[in-house]
Amino acid sequence: MYHSRTAREPRARVGRAARGATYPGAVPMTAKYATTCGVCAAPVSPGEQIAKAGQRWAHVACADAGDQPASSSGTASSGTAPKASPTKKAAKPARADMPAAEGALEVWTDGACSGNPGPGGWAWATKDGRQASGGEAPTTNQRMEIRAALEAVRSLEGPLVVVSDSTYVVNCFRDGWWKGWIARGWVTSAKRPVVSRDLWEPLITLVNDRGDISFRWVKGHSGDEMNDLVDRLAVEQSKAVA
């Protein structure tokens, strides 16, 4: 989980290279203020490239990965950030969890990064006391989230439920993003290479080969003791490699 100051709605501007260019997906823009990615829920720092993912702003990689169509409102192509809606939208129904194998062990995973990119850490832990963590620099929050899940799957045998606060990790398997990536030769629907393929490919291969691993999302900093534990471990590792 990435730690940063309170985010504001992004003010995006089209970079010079983007003006007049033709893109296979949404037009990338540059975030002026810190905000939160609408797909992976990780913070977006000022200066990062963002794009529309449906009605939300997201990292360019996340917008591509989610295979979500750009908004028909035209805000992305005009270079103008979306305005806050005066009306409150109805709450979306809760997403169904992936079916878990009988007797599956729950393992909590998390990634942290100070800056994006910057020094980062990953961690996994189970309720029976098993845990591991590590760090690297420079890296990104998304890479550490994927790395945490990969290390957990590599280390633990038998049926697993990977519990993560990263929608980027969970949705890859719950929504089957990986199927499109592989079918297109590790290219997104926007015809861009899948980011962090070096981590995604071994994780997806392990999950498919074993056939007894599912993923479940948990809200970060929501009072879940195990999520808080792996968050602390990952942050400690990011500080150790800073």
Foldseek 3Di string as FASTA:
>chain_A
DEDDPDWDQWWWAQDPVQVPDDFLAFRKTFTQTWDAAPQFRHIDHGGAIWGAQAPTIHHPLRSQLVLGHGHPPCCRVVSGGDDDDPDDDDDDDDDDFDDADPPAFEKEKAKYDDDAQAKIKIKIAGPVGDMDMAIDPGHGRVLRRLVNLQVVLVVDDDAHEYEYQTSSVQCCPVVVSVVVCVVVVQATPRRHHNPPCVRVVVSVVSCVVRVRYHYHYDHAPPPDVRSVVRVVRTVVNSVVHD
